[in-house]
N, C-alpha and C. Protein backbone atom coordinates (compact mmCIF):
# COMPACT_ATOMS: atom_id res chain seq x y z
N MET A 1 188.85 101.09 62.28
CA MET A 1 189.11 101.95 61.15
C MET A 1 188.89 101.21 59.83
N ALA A 2 189.28 99.93 59.81
CA ALA A 2 189.11 99.16 58.58
C ALA A 2 187.64 99.02 58.22
N MET A 3 186.78 98.81 59.22
CA MET A 3 185.35 98.69 58.95
C MET A 3 184.78 100.01 58.44
N LEU A 4 185.27 101.12 58.98
CA LEU A 4 184.84 102.44 58.54
C LEU A 4 185.22 102.67 57.08
N TYR A 5 186.48 102.41 56.75
CA TYR A 5 186.93 102.57 55.36
C TYR A 5 186.16 101.65 54.42
N HIS A 6 185.93 100.42 54.85
CA HIS A 6 185.21 99.47 54.02
C HIS A 6 183.79 99.96 53.73
N GLY A 7 183.09 100.44 54.75
CA GLY A 7 181.74 100.96 54.56
C GLY A 7 181.71 102.16 53.64
N TYR A 8 182.69 103.06 53.80
CA TYR A 8 182.77 104.26 52.96
C TYR A 8 183.05 103.87 51.51
N GLU A 9 184.00 102.98 51.29
CA GLU A 9 184.37 102.59 49.94
C GLU A 9 183.27 101.79 49.26
N GLU A 10 182.46 101.09 50.03
CA GLU A 10 181.36 100.34 49.47
C GLU A 10 180.23 101.27 49.02
N THR A 11 180.00 102.35 49.73
CA THR A 11 178.88 103.24 49.47
C THR A 11 179.22 104.39 48.52
N TYR A 12 180.42 104.90 48.57
CA TYR A 12 180.79 106.11 47.84
C TYR A 12 180.52 106.06 46.34
N PRO A 13 180.83 104.97 45.63
CA PRO A 13 180.58 104.97 44.18
C PRO A 13 179.11 105.14 43.80
N TYR A 14 178.20 104.83 44.71
CA TYR A 14 176.78 104.91 44.41
C TYR A 14 176.15 106.23 44.86
N MET A 15 176.90 107.12 45.48
CA MET A 15 176.33 108.34 46.05
C MET A 15 175.70 109.24 44.99
N ARG A 16 176.29 109.37 43.83
CA ARG A 16 175.72 110.21 42.77
C ARG A 16 174.37 109.65 42.32
N MET A 17 174.30 108.32 42.16
CA MET A 17 173.05 107.69 41.76
C MET A 17 171.98 107.87 42.85
N TYR A 18 172.37 107.72 44.12
CA TYR A 18 171.41 107.90 45.22
C TYR A 18 170.88 109.33 45.25
N ALA A 19 171.73 110.31 44.97
CA ALA A 19 171.29 111.71 44.97
C ALA A 19 170.26 111.95 43.87
N TYR A 20 170.51 111.45 42.67
CA TYR A 20 169.53 111.61 41.58
C TYR A 20 168.23 110.89 41.90
N ARG A 21 168.33 109.70 42.47
CA ARG A 21 167.14 108.93 42.80
C ARG A 21 166.31 109.64 43.87
N SER A 22 166.97 110.20 44.88
CA SER A 22 166.20 110.88 45.93
C SER A 22 165.55 112.16 45.41
N LYS A 23 166.23 112.88 44.50
CA LYS A 23 165.61 114.07 43.91
C LYS A 23 164.40 113.71 43.07
N ALA A 24 164.50 112.63 42.30
CA ALA A 24 163.37 112.20 41.47
C ALA A 24 162.20 111.75 42.35
N ARG A 25 162.50 111.03 43.41
CA ARG A 25 161.45 110.56 44.31
C ARG A 25 160.78 111.75 45.00
N PHE A 26 161.58 112.72 45.41
CA PHE A 26 161.04 113.92 46.05
C PHE A 26 160.09 114.65 45.10
N ASN A 27 160.49 114.80 43.84
CA ASN A 27 159.64 115.48 42.86
C ASN A 27 158.35 114.71 42.60
N SER A 28 158.45 113.39 42.48
CA SER A 28 157.25 112.60 42.19
C SER A 28 156.27 112.60 43.35
N GLU A 29 156.77 112.74 44.58
CA GLU A 29 155.88 112.79 45.74
C GLU A 29 155.25 114.16 45.92
N ASN A 30 155.99 115.21 45.61
CA ASN A 30 155.51 116.56 45.88
C ASN A 30 154.73 117.19 44.73
N PHE A 31 154.93 116.72 43.53
CA PHE A 31 154.25 117.33 42.38
C PHE A 31 152.73 117.24 42.49
N PRO A 32 152.13 116.09 42.84
CA PRO A 32 150.67 116.04 42.96
C PRO A 32 150.11 116.96 44.05
N VAL A 33 150.85 117.10 45.15
CA VAL A 33 150.40 117.99 46.23
C VAL A 33 150.43 119.43 45.76
N LEU A 34 151.52 119.82 45.13
CA LEU A 34 151.62 121.19 44.62
C LEU A 34 150.57 121.46 43.55
N GLN A 35 150.24 120.45 42.77
CA GLN A 35 149.25 120.60 41.71
C GLN A 35 147.89 120.99 42.28
N MET A 36 147.58 120.53 43.48
CA MET A 36 146.30 120.87 44.11
C MET A 36 146.22 122.36 44.46
N PHE A 37 147.35 122.96 44.83
CA PHE A 37 147.35 124.35 45.29
C PHE A 37 147.76 125.35 44.21
N LEU A 38 148.66 124.96 43.36
CA LEU A 38 149.17 125.85 42.32
C LEU A 38 149.09 125.16 40.97
N ARG A 39 148.81 125.94 39.97
CA ARG A 39 148.83 125.38 38.62
C ARG A 39 150.29 125.30 38.18
N GLN A 40 150.73 124.10 37.91
CA GLN A 40 152.12 123.89 37.52
C GLN A 40 152.31 124.15 36.03
N LYS A 41 153.48 124.65 35.69
CA LYS A 41 153.81 124.86 34.29
C LYS A 41 154.04 123.50 33.62
N THR A 42 153.66 123.39 32.37
CA THR A 42 153.96 122.16 31.62
C THR A 42 155.45 122.19 31.25
N PHE A 43 156.02 121.05 31.17
CA PHE A 43 157.45 120.99 30.86
C PHE A 43 157.73 119.77 30.01
N LYS A 44 158.85 119.81 29.35
CA LYS A 44 159.31 118.69 28.55
C LYS A 44 160.63 118.21 29.14
N THR A 45 160.90 116.95 28.96
CA THR A 45 162.14 116.37 29.45
C THR A 45 163.18 116.39 28.34
N VAL A 46 164.38 116.81 28.70
CA VAL A 46 165.48 116.84 27.75
C VAL A 46 166.60 115.96 28.31
N CYS A 47 167.14 115.08 27.47
CA CYS A 47 168.24 114.22 27.88
C CYS A 47 169.53 114.72 27.24
N PHE A 48 170.59 114.70 27.99
CA PHE A 48 171.89 115.15 27.50
C PHE A 48 172.87 113.99 27.52
N ALA A 49 173.82 114.02 26.60
CA ALA A 49 174.91 113.04 26.60
C ALA A 49 176.04 113.58 27.47
N ILE A 50 176.85 112.68 28.00
CA ILE A 50 177.97 113.07 28.84
C ILE A 50 179.17 113.37 27.95
N ASP A 51 179.82 114.48 28.22
CA ASP A 51 181.02 114.86 27.50
C ASP A 51 182.14 113.86 27.82
N LYS A 52 182.99 113.56 26.84
CA LYS A 52 184.07 112.60 27.06
C LYS A 52 185.02 113.06 28.16
N ASN A 53 185.22 114.37 28.28
CA ASN A 53 186.10 114.88 29.34
C ASN A 53 185.53 114.57 30.71
N GLN A 54 184.21 114.66 30.85
CA GLN A 54 183.59 114.34 32.13
C GLN A 54 183.72 112.87 32.45
N VAL A 55 183.66 112.02 31.42
CA VAL A 55 183.83 110.58 31.65
C VAL A 55 185.23 110.32 32.20
N VAL A 56 186.23 111.02 31.66
CA VAL A 56 187.59 110.86 32.16
C VAL A 56 187.67 111.34 33.61
N GLU A 57 187.01 112.47 33.93
CA GLU A 57 187.02 112.97 35.30
C GLU A 57 186.33 111.99 36.24
N ILE A 58 185.22 111.40 35.79
CA ILE A 58 184.53 110.41 36.62
C ILE A 58 185.42 109.20 36.83
N ASP A 59 186.15 108.80 35.77
CA ASP A 59 187.04 107.65 35.86
C ASP A 59 188.17 107.89 36.86
N GLU A 60 188.59 109.15 37.00
CA GLU A 60 189.68 109.48 37.90
C GLU A 60 189.21 109.84 39.31
N GLU A 61 187.90 109.73 39.58
CA GLU A 61 187.38 110.01 40.91
C GLU A 61 187.90 109.01 41.91
N TYR A 62 187.90 109.41 43.17
CA TYR A 62 188.32 108.53 44.25
C TYR A 62 187.33 107.39 44.40
N GLU A 63 187.80 106.17 44.34
CA GLU A 63 186.93 105.00 44.47
C GLU A 63 187.34 104.13 45.64
N GLY A 64 188.26 104.57 46.41
CA GLY A 64 188.73 103.76 47.53
C GLY A 64 190.19 103.41 47.36
N VAL A 65 190.79 103.06 48.45
CA VAL A 65 192.23 102.79 48.47
C VAL A 65 192.57 101.60 47.58
N VAL A 66 191.83 100.52 47.71
CA VAL A 66 192.16 99.29 46.96
C VAL A 66 191.93 99.48 45.48
N ARG A 67 190.78 100.03 45.09
CA ARG A 67 190.47 100.19 43.67
C ARG A 67 191.43 101.16 42.99
N MET A 68 191.76 102.25 43.67
CA MET A 68 192.70 103.20 43.07
C MET A 68 194.07 102.56 42.90
N GLY A 69 194.48 101.76 43.87
CA GLY A 69 195.75 101.05 43.74
C GLY A 69 195.75 100.09 42.57
N GLN A 70 194.63 99.39 42.38
CA GLN A 70 194.51 98.48 41.25
C GLN A 70 194.56 99.24 39.93
N LYS A 71 193.86 100.38 39.86
CA LYS A 71 193.88 101.17 38.62
C LYS A 71 195.29 101.63 38.27
N TRP A 72 196.02 102.15 39.29
CA TRP A 72 197.36 102.64 39.03
C TRP A 72 198.30 101.49 38.64
N ALA A 73 198.10 100.32 39.23
CA ALA A 73 198.93 99.17 38.86
C ALA A 73 198.69 98.75 37.42
N ILE A 74 197.41 98.77 37.00
CA ILE A 74 197.08 98.41 35.61
C ILE A 74 197.65 99.44 34.66
N LYS A 75 197.57 100.72 35.00
CA LYS A 75 198.11 101.78 34.13
C LYS A 75 199.62 101.66 34.00
N ARG A 76 200.31 101.31 35.10
CA ARG A 76 201.78 101.16 35.04
C ARG A 76 202.19 99.98 34.19
N GLU A 77 201.42 98.89 34.24
CA GLU A 77 201.76 97.69 33.46
C GLU A 77 201.50 97.91 31.97
N GLY A 78 200.43 98.66 31.65
CA GLY A 78 200.02 98.82 30.25
C GLY A 78 200.68 99.91 29.60
C-alpha cells in the first residue's frame, strides 16, 4: 500500500501538465493530416491569466498525505 500511495503522490501533481501536453501533442500530430483533407480555419492564440481565486483552489488541492500534513502544520504555526 505504501508503494501505491507513493507512486500516486509522486505523479498526481503533474497530471494537469501531462493532460495539456498530451492535448498539444495530439493537435500538432493531427493538424497536418487534417490539412491534407480539409481546409482548416485560421486561428489566433489567446493567452489568459489565472484568477487569484483559482490559484487558491489549486493551492488547496490534494497533494498527498505528507504534503498536506506539512501545509496544515505550517498554517497552524503561522
